[in-house]
Amino acid sequence: FKPHVSVAYSSADGPAAPVLEAVERANVPPATARVASVQLITLNR
C-alpha cells in the first residue's frame, strides 16, 4: 500500500518523456490535507 492521490491516468500506450518533462517543469508548492474522516463509497469506472 502506497497512499497517493492521482492527478491523471494514462489512457494509451506511448512514450513517457513528454509527461515526465511536463511534470518536471511544473513548479507547484506543496499541499496539506486534513484527514478527519474516511468515506465508504460505491465506485464505478
PDB file of all heavy atoms in Angstrom:
ATOM      1  N   PHE A   1       0.842  -1.197   0.000  1.00  0.00           N
ATOM      2  CA  PHE A   1       0.000   0.000   0.000  1.00  0.00           C
ATOM      3  C   PHE A   1       0.878   1.248   0.000  1.00  0.00           C
ATOM      4  O   PHE A   1       1.711   1.441   0.884  1.00  0.00           O
ATOM      5  CB  PHE A   1      -0.908  -0.008   1.233  1.00  0.00           C
ATOM      6  CG  PHE A   1      -1.743   1.227   1.400  1.00  0.00           C
ATOM      7  CD1 PHE A   1      -2.707   1.565   0.466  1.00  0.00           C
ATOM      8  CD2 PHE A   1      -1.570   2.053   2.509  1.00  0.00           C
ATOM      9  CE1 PHE A   1      -3.492   2.696   0.627  1.00  0.00           C
ATOM     10  CE2 PHE A   1      -2.346   3.180   2.692  1.00  0.00           C
ATOM     11  CZ  PHE A   1      -3.310   3.507   1.738  1.00  0.00           C
ATOM     12  N   LYS A   2       0.697   2.109  -0.994  1.00  0.00           N
ATOM     13  CA  LYS A   2       1.430   3.363  -1.109  1.00  0.00           C
ATOM     14  C   LYS A   2       0.420   4.488  -1.270  1.00  0.00           C
ATOM     15  O   LYS A   2      -0.076   4.737  -2.374  1.00  0.00           O
ATOM     16  CB  LYS A   2       2.387   3.323  -2.308  1.00  0.00           C
ATOM     17  CG  LYS A   2       3.483   2.267  -2.177  1.00  0.00           C
ATOM     18  CD  LYS A   2       4.408   2.283  -3.394  1.00  0.00           C
ATOM     19  CE  LYS A   2       5.507   1.238  -3.248  1.00  0.00           C
ATOM     20  NZ  LYS A   2       6.418   1.241  -4.430  1.00  0.00           N
ATOM     21  N   PRO A   3       0.058   5.150  -0.193  1.00  0.00           N
ATOM     22  CA  PRO A   3      -1.024   6.148  -0.264  1.00  0.00           C
ATOM     23  C   PRO A   3      -0.671   7.302  -1.181  1.00  0.00           C
ATOM     24  O   PRO A   3       0.371   7.934  -1.035  1.00  0.00           O
ATOM     25  CB  PRO A   3      -1.181   6.602   1.184  1.00  0.00           C
ATOM     26  CG  PRO A   3       0.097   6.237   1.868  1.00  0.00           C
ATOM     27  CD  PRO A   3       0.602   5.024   1.168  1.00  0.00           C
ATOM     28  N   HIS A   4      -1.560   7.580  -2.131  1.00  0.00           N
ATOM     29  CA  HIS A   4      -1.288   8.623  -3.123  1.00  0.00           C
ATOM     30  C   HIS A   4      -2.589   9.184  -3.663  1.00  0.00           C
ATOM     31  O   HIS A   4      -3.651   8.564  -3.559  1.00  0.00           O
ATOM     32  CB  HIS A   4      -0.450   8.066  -4.278  1.00  0.00           C
ATOM     33  CG  HIS A   4      -1.178   7.013  -5.069  1.00  0.00           C
ATOM     34  ND1 HIS A   4      -1.196   5.677  -4.710  1.00  0.00           N
ATOM     35  CD2 HIS A   4      -1.942   7.101  -6.208  1.00  0.00           C
ATOM     36  CE1 HIS A   4      -1.914   4.999  -5.584  1.00  0.00           C
ATOM     37  NE2 HIS A   4      -2.388   5.836  -6.493  1.00  0.00           N
ATOM     38  N   VAL A   5      -2.483  10.354  -4.243  1.00  0.00           N
ATOM     39  CA  VAL A   5      -3.567  10.976  -4.992  1.00  0.00           C
ATOM     40  C   VAL A   5      -3.127  11.079  -6.437  1.00  0.00           C
ATOM     41  O   VAL A   5      -2.027  11.573  -6.727  1.00  0.00           O
ATOM     42  CB  VAL A   5      -3.896  12.371  -4.429  1.00  0.00           C
ATOM     43  CG1 VAL A   5      -4.833  13.122  -5.367  1.00  0.00           C
ATOM     44  CG2 VAL A   5      -4.529  12.257  -3.049  1.00  0.00           C
ATOM     45  N   SER A   6      -3.960  10.599  -7.339  1.00  0.00           N
ATOM     46  CA  SER A   6      -3.637  10.679  -8.760  1.00  0.00           C
ATOM     47  C   SER A   6      -4.106  12.006  -9.336  1.00  0.00           C
ATOM     48  O   SER A   6      -5.159  12.530  -8.965  1.00  0.00           O
ATOM     49  CB  SER A   6      -4.269   9.519  -9.528  1.00  0.00           C
ATOM     50  OG  SER A   6      -3.683   8.291  -9.147  1.00  0.00           O
ATOM     51  N   VAL A   7      -3.291  12.549 -10.235  1.00  0.00           N
ATOM     52  CA  VAL A   7      -3.593  13.777 -10.966  1.00  0.00           C
ATOM     53  C   VAL A   7      -4.178  13.447 -12.338  1.00  0.00           C
ATOM     54  O   VAL A   7      -5.069  14.145 -12.836  1.00  0.00           O
ATOM     55  CB  VAL A   7      -2.313  14.616 -11.128  1.00  0.00           C
ATOM     56  CG1 VAL A   7      -2.544  15.832 -12.008  1.00  0.00           C
ATOM     57  CG2 VAL A   7      -1.752  15.020  -9.771  1.00  0.00           C
ATOM     58  N   ALA A   8      -3.680  12.371 -12.946  1.00  0.00           N
ATOM     59  CA  ALA A   8      -4.119  11.972 -14.285  1.00  0.00           C
ATOM     60  C   ALA A   8      -3.862  10.486 -14.439  1.00  0.00           C
ATOM     61  O   ALA A   8      -2.943   9.926 -13.826  1.00  0.00           O
ATOM     62  CB  ALA A   8      -3.365  12.751 -15.363  1.00  0.00           C
ATOM     63  N   TYR A   9      -4.686   9.844 -15.279  1.00  0.00           N
ATOM     64  CA  TYR A   9      -4.471   8.450 -15.642  1.00  0.00           C
ATOM     65  C   TYR A   9      -4.033   8.382 -17.098  1.00  0.00           C
ATOM     66  O   TYR A   9      -4.537   9.123 -17.952  1.00  0.00           O
ATOM     67  CB  TYR A   9      -5.748   7.630 -15.457  1.00  0.00           C
ATOM     68  CG  TYR A   9      -6.182   7.505 -14.025  1.00  0.00           C
ATOM     69  CD1 TYR A   9      -7.357   8.091 -13.587  1.00  0.00           C
ATOM     70  CD2 TYR A   9      -5.406   6.807 -13.103  1.00  0.00           C
ATOM     71  CE1 TYR A   9      -7.754   7.987 -12.258  1.00  0.00           C
ATOM     72  CE2 TYR A   9      -5.798   6.697 -11.773  1.00  0.00           C
ATOM     73  CZ  TYR A   9      -6.967   7.286 -11.361  1.00  0.00           C
ATOM     74  OH  TYR A   9      -7.355   7.192 -10.058  1.00  0.00           O
ATOM     75  N   SER A  10      -3.118   7.465 -17.360  1.00  0.00           N
ATOM     76  CA  SER A  10      -2.721   7.220 -18.735  1.00  0.00           C
ATOM     77  C   SER A  10      -3.823   6.435 -19.436  1.00  0.00           C
ATOM     78  O   SER A  10      -4.318   5.436 -18.912  1.00  0.00           O
ATOM     79  CB  SER A  10      -1.411   6.428 -18.771  1.00  0.00           C
ATOM     80  OG  SER A  10      -1.084   6.066 -20.094  1.00  0.00           O
ATOM     81  N   SER A  11      -4.193   6.883 -20.611  1.00  0.00           N
ATOM     82  CA  SER A  11      -5.265   6.222 -21.359  1.00  0.00           C
ATOM     83  C   SER A  11      -4.763   5.581 -22.647  1.00  0.00           C
ATOM     84  O   SER A  11      -5.557   5.144 -23.469  1.00  0.00           O
ATOM     85  CB  SER A  11      -6.369   7.232 -21.694  1.00  0.00           C
ATOM     86  OG  SER A  11      -5.840   8.312 -22.449  1.00  0.00           O
ATOM     87  N   ALA A  12      -3.437   5.529 -22.824  1.00  0.00           N
ATOM     88  CA  ALA A  12      -2.883   4.965 -24.051  1.00  0.00           C
ATOM     89  C   ALA A  12      -1.441   4.541 -23.808  1.00  0.00           C
ATOM     90  O   ALA A  12      -0.774   5.036 -22.887  1.00  0.00           O
ATOM     91  CB  ALA A  12      -2.937   5.981 -25.192  1.00  0.00           C
ATOM     92  N   ASP A  13      -0.971   3.624 -24.621  1.00  0.00           N
ATOM     93  CA  ASP A  13       0.442   3.268 -24.620  1.00  0.00           C
ATOM     94  C   ASP A  13       1.205   4.328 -25.408  1.00  0.00           C
ATOM     95  O   ASP A  13       0.739   4.806 -26.444  1.00  0.00           O
ATOM     96  CB  ASP A  13       0.646   1.897 -25.265  1.00  0.00           C
ATOM     97  CG  ASP A  13      -0.089   0.795 -24.514  1.00  0.00           C
ATOM     98  OD1 ASP A  13      -0.232   0.910 -23.285  1.00  0.00           O
ATOM     99  OD2 ASP A  13      -0.512  -0.180 -25.160  1.00  0.00           O
ATOM    100  N   GLY A  14       2.377   4.706 -24.906  1.00  0.00           N
ATOM    101  CA  GLY A  14       3.160   5.712 -25.613  1.00  0.00           C
ATOM    102  C   GLY A  14       4.373   6.111 -24.810  1.00  0.00           C
ATOM    103  O   GLY A  14       4.572   5.658 -23.670  1.00  0.00           O
ATOM    104  N   PRO A  15       5.208   6.974 -25.350  1.00  0.00           N
ATOM    105  CA  PRO A  15       6.422   7.392 -24.637  1.00  0.00           C
ATOM    106  C   PRO A  15       6.080   8.214 -23.402  1.00  0.00           C
ATOM    107  O   PRO A  15       5.151   9.022 -23.401  1.00  0.00           O
ATOM    108  CB  PRO A  15       7.176   8.219 -25.681  1.00  0.00           C
ATOM    109  CG  PRO A  15       6.126   8.686 -26.630  1.00  0.00           C
ATOM    110  CD  PRO A  15       5.104   7.596 -26.690  1.00  0.00           C
ATOM    111  N   ALA A  16       6.865   8.022 -22.361  1.00  0.00           N
ATOM    112  CA  ALA A  16       6.642   8.748 -21.112  1.00  0.00           C
ATOM    113  C   ALA A  16       7.360  10.082 -21.082  1.00  0.00           C
ATOM    114  O   ALA A  16       7.033  10.928 -20.233  1.00  0.00           O
ATOM    115  CB  ALA A  16       7.088   7.894 -19.936  1.00  0.00           C
ATOM    116  N   ALA A  17       8.325  10.307 -21.980  1.00  0.00           N
ATOM    117  CA  ALA A  17       9.160  11.509 -21.904  1.00  0.00           C
ATOM    118  C   ALA A  17       8.361  12.806 -21.863  1.00  0.00           C
ATOM    119  O   ALA A  17       8.665  13.685 -21.036  1.00  0.00           O
ATOM    120  CB  ALA A  17      10.164  11.526 -23.058  1.00  0.00           C
ATOM    121  N   PRO A  18       7.332  13.002 -22.697  1.00  0.00           N
ATOM    122  CA  PRO A  18       6.589  14.272 -22.626  1.00  0.00           C
ATOM    123  C   PRO A  18       5.915  14.496 -21.274  1.00  0.00           C
ATOM    124  O   PRO A  18       5.836  15.634 -20.788  1.00  0.00           O
ATOM    125  CB  PRO A  18       5.558  14.144 -23.756  1.00  0.00           C
ATOM    126  CG  PRO A  18       6.143  13.148 -24.700  1.00  0.00           C
ATOM    127  CD  PRO A  18       6.867  12.168 -23.825  1.00  0.00           C
ATOM    128  N   VAL A  19       5.438  13.419 -20.666  1.00  0.00           N
ATOM    129  CA  VAL A  19       4.779  13.532 -19.371  1.00  0.00           C
ATOM    130  C   VAL A  19       5.814  13.857 -18.292  1.00  0.00           C
ATOM    131  O   VAL A  19       5.612  14.742 -17.452  1.00  0.00           O
ATOM    132  CB  VAL A  19       4.017  12.236 -19.029  1.00  0.00           C
ATOM    133  CG1 VAL A  19       3.283  12.383 -17.694  1.00  0.00           C
ATOM    134  CG2 VAL A  19       3.033  11.881 -20.138  1.00  0.00           C
ATOM    135  N   LEU A  20       6.926  13.167 -18.323  1.00  0.00           N
ATOM    136  CA  LEU A  20       7.989  13.429 -17.354  1.00  0.00           C
ATOM    137  C   LEU A  20       8.490  14.865 -17.461  1.00  0.00           C
ATOM    138  O   LEU A  20       8.711  15.539 -16.449  1.00  0.00           O
ATOM    139  CB  LEU A  20       9.144  12.449 -17.589  1.00  0.00           C
ATOM    140  CG  LEU A  20       8.892  10.999 -17.166  1.00  0.00           C
ATOM    141  CD1 LEU A  20       9.918  10.081 -17.808  1.00  0.00           C
ATOM    142  CD2 LEU A  20       8.949  10.864 -15.651  1.00  0.00           C
ATOM    143  N   GLU A  21       8.637  15.341 -18.680  1.00  0.00           N
ATOM    144  CA  GLU A  21       9.133  16.704 -18.880  1.00  0.00           C
ATOM    145  C   GLU A  21       8.138  17.729 -18.354  1.00  0.00           C
ATOM    146  O   GLU A  21       8.520  18.724 -17.721  1.00  0.00           O
ATOM    147  CB  GLU A  21       9.418  16.936 -20.359  1.00  0.00           C
ATOM    148  CG  GLU A  21      10.610  16.144 -20.876  1.00  0.00           C
ATOM    149  CD  GLU A  21      10.707  16.134 -22.396  1.00  0.00           C
ATOM    150  OE1 GLU A  21       9.811  16.724 -23.056  1.00  0.00           O
ATOM    151  OE2 GLU A  21      11.650  15.518 -22.923  1.00  0.00           O
ATOM    152  N   ALA A  22       6.843  17.501 -18.602  1.00  0.00           N
ATOM    153  CA  ALA A  22       5.826  18.441 -18.127  1.00  0.00           C
ATOM    154  C   ALA A  22       5.780  18.486 -16.610  1.00  0.00           C
ATOM    155  O   ALA A  22       5.658  19.567 -16.008  1.00  0.00           O
ATOM    156  CB  ALA A  22       4.461  18.056 -18.699  1.00  0.00           C
ATOM    157  N   VAL A  23       5.860  17.336 -15.969  1.00  0.00           N
ATOM    158  CA  VAL A  23       5.838  17.280 -14.508  1.00  0.00           C
ATOM    159  C   VAL A  23       7.080  17.946 -13.934  1.00  0.00           C
ATOM    160  O   VAL A  23       7.010  18.684 -12.943  1.00  0.00           O
ATOM    161  CB  VAL A  23       5.709  15.817 -14.035  1.00  0.00           C
ATOM    162  CG1 VAL A  23       5.976  15.704 -12.528  1.00  0.00           C
ATOM    163  CG2 VAL A  23       4.327  15.272 -14.373  1.00  0.00           C
ATOM    164  N   GLU A  24       8.224  17.709 -14.554  1.00  0.00           N
ATOM    165  CA  GLU A  24       9.468  18.297 -14.051  1.00  0.00           C
ATOM    166  C   GLU A  24       9.473  19.813 -14.186  1.00  0.00           C
ATOM    167  O   GLU A  24      10.019  20.524 -13.331  1.00  0.00           O
ATOM    168  CB  GLU A  24      10.657  17.689 -14.787  1.00  0.00           C
ATOM    169  CG  GLU A  24      12.000  18.099 -14.218  1.00  0.00           C
ATOM    170  CD  GLU A  24      13.152  17.293 -14.785  1.00  0.00           C
ATOM    171  OE1 GLU A  24      13.051  16.060 -14.807  1.00  0.00           O
ATOM    172  OE2 GLU A  24      14.137  17.910 -15.218  1.00  0.00           O
ATOM    173  N   ARG A  25       8.851  20.335 -15.243  1.00  0.00           N
ATOM    174  CA  ARG A  25       8.818  21.784 -15.449  1.00  0.00           C
ATOM    175  C   ARG A  25       7.877  22.494 -14.480  1.00  0.00           C
ATOM    176  O   ARG A  25       8.046  23.671 -14.186  1.00  0.00           O
ATOM    177  CB  ARG A  25       8.394  22.110 -16.887  1.00  0.00           C
ATOM    178  CG  ARG A  25       9.458  21.866 -17.942  1.00  0.00           C
ATOM    179  CD  ARG A  25       9.079  22.569 -19.240  1.00  0.00           C
ATOM    180  NE  ARG A  25       7.763  22.173 -19.715  1.00  0.00           N
ATOM    181  CZ  ARG A  25       7.550  21.173 -20.569  1.00  0.00           C
ATOM    182  NH1 ARG A  25       8.568  20.483 -21.046  1.00  0.00           N
ATOM    183  NH2 ARG A  25       6.323  20.893 -20.963  1.00  0.00           N
ATOM    184  N   ALA A  26       6.886  21.771 -14.008  1.00  0.00           N
ATOM    185  CA  ALA A  26       5.880  22.391 -13.136  1.00  0.00           C
ATOM    186  C   ALA A  26       6.515  22.792 -11.808  1.00  0.00           C
ATOM    187  O   ALA A  26       7.245  22.014 -11.180  1.00  0.00           O
ATOM    188  CB  ALA A  26       4.727  21.427 -12.901  1.00  0.00           C
ATOM    189  N   ASN A  27       6.224  23.990 -11.384  1.00  0.00           N
ATOM    190  CA  ASN A  27       6.733  24.490 -10.102  1.00  0.00           C
ATOM    191  C   ASN A  27       5.532  24.687  -9.181  1.00  0.00           C
ATOM    192  O   ASN A  27       4.911  25.756  -9.160  1.00  0.00           O
ATOM    193  CB  ASN A  27       7.497  25.797 -10.306  1.00  0.00           C
ATOM    194  CG  ASN A  27       8.102  26.316  -9.023  1.00  0.00           C
ATOM    195  OD1 ASN A  27       8.239  25.580  -8.051  1.00  0.00           O
ATOM    196  ND2 ASN A  27       8.453  27.596  -9.006  1.00  0.00           N
ATOM    197  N   VAL A  28       5.192  23.632  -8.451  1.00  0.00           N
ATOM    198  CA  VAL A  28       3.949  23.610  -7.681  1.00  0.00           C
ATOM    199  C   VAL A  28       4.271  23.552  -6.191  1.00  0.00           C
ATOM    200  O   VAL A  28       4.913  22.606  -5.727  1.00  0.00           O
ATOM    201  CB  VAL A  28       3.089  22.391  -8.077  1.00  0.00           C
ATOM    202  CG1 VAL A  28       1.778  22.394  -7.302  1.00  0.00           C
ATOM    203  CG2 VAL A  28       2.830  22.393  -9.586  1.00  0.00           C
ATOM    204  N   PRO A  29       3.847  24.538  -5.411  1.00  0.00           N
ATOM    205  CA  PRO A  29       4.061  24.485  -3.961  1.00  0.00           C
ATOM    206  C   PRO A  29       3.343  23.281  -3.351  1.00  0.00           C
ATOM    207  O   PRO A  29       2.284  22.853  -3.829  1.00  0.00           O
ATOM    208  CB  PRO A  29       3.467  25.797  -3.456  1.00  0.00           C
ATOM    209  CG  PRO A  29       3.459  26.704  -4.647  1.00  0.00           C
ATOM    210  CD  PRO A  29       3.229  25.819  -5.827  1.00  0.00           C
ATOM    211  N   PRO A  30       3.902  22.709  -2.285  1.00  0.00           N
ATOM    212  CA  PRO A  30       3.269  21.558  -1.631  1.00  0.00           C
ATOM    213  C   PRO A  30       1.875  21.883  -1.100  1.00  0.00           C
ATOM    214  O   PRO A  30       1.504  23.048  -0.930  1.00  0.00           O
ATOM    215  CB  PRO A  30       4.232  21.227  -0.492  1.00  0.00           C
ATOM    216  CG  PRO A  30       5.538  21.814  -0.901  1.00  0.00           C
ATOM    217  CD  PRO A  30       5.199  23.050  -1.682  1.00  0.00           C
ATOM    218  N   ALA A  31       1.118  20.829  -0.836  1.00  0.00           N
ATOM    219  CA  ALA A  31      -0.244  20.971  -0.308  1.00  0.00           C
ATOM    220  C   ALA A  31      -0.381  20.188   0.982  1.00  0.00           C
ATOM    221  O   ALA A  31       0.304  19.179   1.205  1.00  0.00           O
ATOM    222  CB  ALA A  31      -1.265  20.477  -1.326  1.00  0.00           C
ATOM    223  N   THR A  32      -1.308  20.650   1.804  1.00  0.00           N
ATOM    224  CA  THR A  32      -1.638  19.973   3.063  1.00  0.00           C
ATOM    225  C   THR A  32      -3.116  19.625   3.068  1.00  0.00           C
ATOM    226  O   THR A  32      -3.949  20.430   2.655  1.00  0.00           O
ATOM    227  CB  THR A  32      -1.314  20.863   4.270  1.00  0.00           C
ATOM    228  OG1 THR A  32       0.094  21.133   4.292  1.00  0.00           O
ATOM    229  CG2 THR A  32      -1.712  20.193   5.573  1.00  0.00           C
ATOM    230  N   ALA A  33      -3.423  18.419   3.525  1.00  0.00           N
ATOM    231  CA  ALA A  33      -4.812  17.990   3.672  1.00  0.00           C
ATOM    232  C   ALA A  33      -5.043  17.549   5.103  1.00  0.00           C
ATOM    233  O   ALA A  33      -4.170  16.930   5.730  1.00  0.00           O
ATOM    234  CB  ALA A  33      -5.126  16.849   2.710  1.00  0.00           C
ATOM    235  N   ARG A  34      -6.205  17.851   5.612  1.00  0.00           N
ATOM    236  CA  ARG A  34      -6.607  17.403   6.938  1.00  0.00           C
ATOM    237  C   ARG A  34      -7.382  16.103   6.797  1.00  0.00           C
ATOM    238  O   ARG A  34      -8.392  16.036   6.081  1.00  0.00           O
ATOM    239  CB  ARG A  34      -7.482  18.452   7.613  1.00  0.00           C
ATOM    240  CG  ARG A  34      -7.851  18.124   9.056  1.00  0.00           C
ATOM    241  CD  ARG A  34      -6.633  18.211   9.941  1.00  0.00           C
ATOM    242  NE  ARG A  34      -6.970  18.067  11.368  1.00  0.00           N
ATOM    243  CZ  ARG A  34      -6.051  17.901  12.310  1.00  0.00           C
ATOM    244  NH1 ARG A  34      -4.756  17.876  11.981  1.00  0.00           N
ATOM    245  NH2 ARG A  34      -6.405  17.784  13.575  1.00  0.00           N
ATOM    246  N   VAL A  35      -6.914  15.050   7.447  1.00  0.00           N
ATOM    247  CA  VAL A  35      -7.606  13.762   7.418  1.00  0.00           C
ATOM    248  C   VAL A  35      -8.399  13.655   8.705  1.00  0.00           C
ATOM    249  O   VAL A  35      -7.847  13.397   9.785  1.00  0.00           O
ATOM    250  CB  VAL A  35      -6.616  12.595   7.277  1.00  0.00           C
ATOM    251  CG1 VAL A  35      -7.370  11.262   7.267  1.00  0.00           C
ATOM    252  CG2 VAL A  35      -5.794  12.746   6.002  1.00  0.00           C
ATOM    253  N   ALA A  36      -9.695  13.884   8.601  1.00  0.00           N
ATOM    254  CA  ALA A  36     -10.577  13.865   9.764  1.00  0.00           C
ATOM    255  C   ALA A  36     -11.687  12.831   9.636  1.00  0.00           C
ATOM    256  O   ALA A  36     -12.440  12.612  10.589  1.00  0.00           O
ATOM    257  CB  ALA A  36     -11.198  15.245   9.978  1.00  0.00           C
ATOM    258  N   SER A  37     -11.781  12.176   8.465  1.00  0.00           N
ATOM    259  CA  SER A  37     -12.812  11.172   8.258  1.00  0.00           C
ATOM    260  C   SER A  37     -12.399  10.274   7.099  1.00  0.00           C
ATOM    261  O   SER A  37     -11.485  10.600   6.334  1.00  0.00           O
ATOM    262  CB  SER A  37     -14.169  11.818   7.967  1.00  0.00           C
ATOM    263  OG  SER A  37     -14.109  12.566   6.760  1.00  0.00           O
ATOM    264  N   VAL A  38     -13.081   9.155   7.000  1.00  0.00           N
ATOM    265  CA  VAL A  38     -12.872   8.193   5.919  1.00  0.00           C
ATOM    266  C   VAL A  38     -14.225   7.926   5.279  1.00  0.00           C
ATOM    267  O   VAL A  38     -15.241   7.836   5.976  1.00  0.00           O
ATOM    268  CB  VAL A  38     -12.257   6.882   6.440  1.00  0.00           C
ATOM    269  CG1 VAL A  38     -12.022   5.900   5.306  1.00  0.00           C
ATOM    270  CG2 VAL A  38     -10.951   7.157   7.175  1.00  0.00           C
ATOM    271  N   GLN A  39     -14.250   7.797   3.972  1.00  0.00           N
ATOM    272  CA  GLN A  39     -15.500   7.640   3.242  1.00  0.00           C
ATOM    273  C   GLN A  39     -15.648   6.215   2.689  1.00  0.00           C
ATOM    274  O   GLN A  39     -14.707   5.693   2.080  1.00  0.00           O
ATOM    275  CB  GLN A  39     -15.573   8.640   2.075  1.00  0.00           C
ATOM    276  CG  GLN A  39     -15.690  10.085   2.506  1.00  0.00           C
ATOM    277  CD  GLN A  39     -14.395  10.654   3.033  1.00  0.00           C
ATOM    278  OE1 GLN A  39     -13.326  10.396   2.500  1.00  0.00           O
ATOM    279  NE2 GLN A  39     -14.483  11.436   4.100  1.00  0.00           N
ATOM    280  N   LEU A  40     -16.808   5.628   2.926  1.00  0.00           N
ATOM    281  CA  LEU A  40     -17.211   4.414   2.223  1.00  0.00           C
ATOM    282  C   LEU A  40     -18.001   4.854   1.006  1.00  0.00           C
ATOM    283  O   LEU A  40     -18.972   5.603   1.127  1.00  0.00           O
ATOM    284  CB  LEU A  40     -18.057   3.514   3.113  1.00  0.00           C
ATOM    285  CG  LEU A  40     -18.612   2.250   2.441  1.00  0.00           C
ATOM    286  CD1 LEU A  40     -17.494   1.300   2.018  1.00  0.00           C
ATOM    287  CD2 LEU A  40     -19.604   1.535   3.355  1.00  0.00           C
ATOM    288  N   ILE A  41     -17.569   4.399  -0.176  1.00  0.00           N
ATOM    289  CA  ILE A  41     -18.211   4.819  -1.415  1.00  0.00           C
ATOM    290  C   ILE A  41     -18.538   3.609  -2.270  1.00  0.00           C
ATOM    291  O   ILE A  41     -17.993   2.518  -2.061  1.00  0.00           O
ATOM    292  CB  ILE A  41     -17.307   5.789  -2.211  1.00  0.00           C
ATOM    293  CG1 ILE A  41     -15.988   5.102  -2.592  1.00  0.00           C
ATOM    294  CG2 ILE A  41     -17.046   7.064  -1.417  1.00  0.00           C
ATOM    295  CD1 ILE A  41     -15.060   5.956  -3.443  1.00  0.00           C
ATOM    296  N   THR A  42     -19.440   3.806  -3.221  1.00  0.00           N
ATOM    297  CA  THR A  42     -19.737   2.787  -4.220  1.00  0.00           C
ATOM    298  C   THR A  42     -19.219   3.288  -5.553  1.00  0.00           C
ATOM    299  O   THR A  42     -19.713   4.277  -6.100  1.00  0.00           O
ATOM    300  CB  THR A  42     -21.246   2.507  -4.288  1.00  0.00           C
ATOM    301  OG1 THR A  42     -21.691   2.068  -2.998  1.00  0.00           O
ATOM    302  CG2 THR A  42     -21.542   1.430  -5.312  1.00  0.00           C
ATOM    303  N   LEU A  43     -18.218   2.608  -6.059  1.00  0.00           N
ATOM    304  CA  LEU A  43     -17.377   3.083  -7.149  1.00  0.00           C
ATOM    305  C   LEU A  43     -17.752   2.435  -8.474  1.00  0.00           C
ATOM    306  O   LEU A  43     -18.135   1.262  -8.520  1.00  0.00           O
ATOM    307  CB  LEU A  43     -15.922   2.732  -6.809  1.00  0.00           C
ATOM    308  CG  LEU A  43     -14.780   3.238  -7.676  1.00  0.00           C
ATOM    309  CD1 LEU A  43     -14.555   4.719  -7.443  1.00  0.00           C
ATOM    310  CD2 LEU A  43     -13.509   2.456  -7.329  1.00  0.00           C
ATOM    311  N   ASN A  44     -17.631   3.218  -9.557  1.00  0.00           N
ATOM    312  CA  ASN A  44     -17.708   2.629 -10.894  1.00  0.00           C
ATOM    313  C   ASN A  44     -16.621   3.244 -11.771  1.00  0.00           C
ATOM    314  O   ASN A  44     -16.063   4.289 -11.442  1.00  0.00           O
ATOM    315  CB  ASN A  44     -19.092   2.832 -11.520  1.00  0.00           C
ATOM    316  CG  ASN A  44     -19.280   4.219 -12.090  1.00  0.00           C
ATOM    317  OD1 ASN A  44     -18.876   4.507 -13.224  1.00  0.00           O
ATOM    318  ND2 ASN A  44     -19.895   5.108 -11.308  1.00  0.00           N
ATOM    319  N   ARG A  45     -16.321   2.582 -12.866  1.00  0.00           N
ATOM    320  CA  ARG A  45     -15.314   3.090 -13.789  1.00  0.00           C
ATOM    321  C   ARG A  45     -15.817   2.981 -15.233  1.00  0.00           C
ATOM    322  O   ARG A  45     -15.062   2.788 -16.171  1.00  0.00           O
ATOM    323  CB  ARG A  45     -13.985   2.344 -13.619  1.00  0.00           C
ATOM    324  CG  ARG A  45     -14.106   0.848 -13.488  1.00  0.00           C
ATOM    325  CD  ARG A  45     -12.780   0.145 -13.723  1.00  0.00           C
ATOM    326  NE  ARG A  45     -12.328   0.329 -15.096  1.00  0.00           N
ATOM    327  CZ  ARG A  45     -11.143  -0.086 -15.554  1.00  0.00           C
ATOM    328  NH1 ARG A  45     -10.289  -0.685 -14.756  1.00  0.00           N
ATOM    329  NH2 ARG A  45     -10.803   0.091 -16.809  1.00  0.00           N
TER     330      ARG A  45
END
